[in-house]
């Protein structure tokens, strides 16, 4: 199982993520986008780093739960 903190690879094609930012994006936002791209590409082993405080931790927990349910299906 892979855990993303700040992901740098688009797992759907194995190439560097084509994430274009305007400088206001947080590392957490980039990690979420990269993880979503991985799932879109069929990689259900991806997880976001859990245990973070606040809304970021809640998003990571919900994302991880949804991906796990899809991995089991």
Protein backbone atom coordinates (compact mmCIF):
# COMPACT_ATOMS: atom_id res chain seq x y z
CA UNK A 1 0.00 0.00 0.00
CA UNK A 2 1.39 3.37 -0.98
CA UNK A 3 0.77 6.44 1.12
CA UNK A 4 0.92 9.88 -0.39
CA UNK A 5 2.17 12.84 1.53
CA UNK A 6 3.07 14.99 -1.40
CA UNK A 7 2.89 12.83 -4.47
CA UNK A 8 4.97 13.64 -7.50
CA UNK A 9 3.95 10.86 -9.88
CA UNK A 10 0.70 10.45 -11.81
CA UNK A 11 0.17 6.74 -11.20
CA UNK A 12 -2.27 6.40 -14.10
CA UNK A 13 0.61 6.54 -16.57
CA UNK A 14 3.78 6.47 -14.46
CA UNK A 15 4.92 9.88 -15.66
CA UNK A 16 5.42 13.02 -13.62
CA UNK A 17 2.07 14.51 -12.71
CA UNK A 18 0.95 17.30 -15.00
CA UNK A 19 -0.33 19.29 -12.06
CA UNK A 20 -0.19 22.94 -12.93
CA UNK A 21 -0.34 25.23 -9.95
CA UNK A 22 -0.54 28.97 -9.63
CA UNK A 23 1.58 28.99 -6.51
CA UNK A 24 -1.37 29.05 -4.13
CA UNK A 25 -1.91 25.28 -4.02
CA UNK A 26 -0.87 23.51 -0.85
CA UNK A 27 1.15 20.29 -0.81
CA UNK A 28 -1.95 18.58 0.60
CA UNK A 29 -4.05 19.68 -2.37
CA UNK A 30 -1.44 18.36 -4.79
CA UNK A 31 -1.31 15.05 -2.88
CA UNK A 32 -5.09 14.69 -3.07
CA UNK A 33 -5.11 15.39 -6.80
CA UNK A 34 -2.29 12.91 -7.42
CA UNK A 35 -4.04 10.26 -5.33
CA UNK A 36 -7.31 10.82 -7.20
CA UNK A 37 -5.48 10.44 -10.50
CA UNK A 38 -3.96 7.18 -9.28
CA UNK A 39 -7.40 5.81 -8.39
CA UNK A 40 -8.79 6.98 -11.72
CA UNK A 41 -6.00 4.99 -13.36
CA UNK A 42 -7.05 1.85 -11.47
CA UNK A 43 -4.49 1.94 -8.65
CA UNK A 44 -6.49 1.13 -5.52
CA UNK A 45 -3.40 0.68 -3.34
CA UNK A 46 -2.95 4.43 -2.96
CA UNK A 47 -3.70 6.06 0.40
CA UNK A 48 -3.38 9.58 1.76
CA UNK A 49 -1.39 10.14 4.93
CA UNK A 50 -3.76 9.67 7.86
CA UNK A 51 -3.67 11.13 11.34
CA UNK A 52 -3.53 14.76 10.31
CA UNK A 53 -5.46 17.29 12.38
CA UNK A 54 -8.49 19.17 11.12
CA UNK A 55 -10.30 18.94 7.84
CA UNK A 56 -7.23 17.57 6.03
CA UNK A 57 -7.21 14.52 8.25
CA UNK A 58 -10.92 14.00 7.77
CA UNK A 59 -10.57 14.22 3.99
CA UNK A 60 -7.68 11.72 4.04
CA UNK A 61 -9.66 9.31 6.22
CA UNK A 62 -12.75 9.50 3.98
CA UNK A 63 -10.65 9.12 0.82
CA UNK A 64 -8.82 6.11 2.23
CA UNK A 65 -12.14 4.48 3.25
CA UNK A 66 -13.63 4.96 -0.22
CA UNK A 67 -10.52 3.61 -1.97
CA UNK A 68 -10.42 0.59 0.34
CA UNK A 69 -14.07 -0.20 -0.38
CA UNK A 70 -13.36 -0.03 -4.11
CA UNK A 71 -10.25 -2.17 -3.72
CA UNK A 72 -12.33 -4.87 -2.02
CA UNK A 73 -15.06 -4.79 -4.69
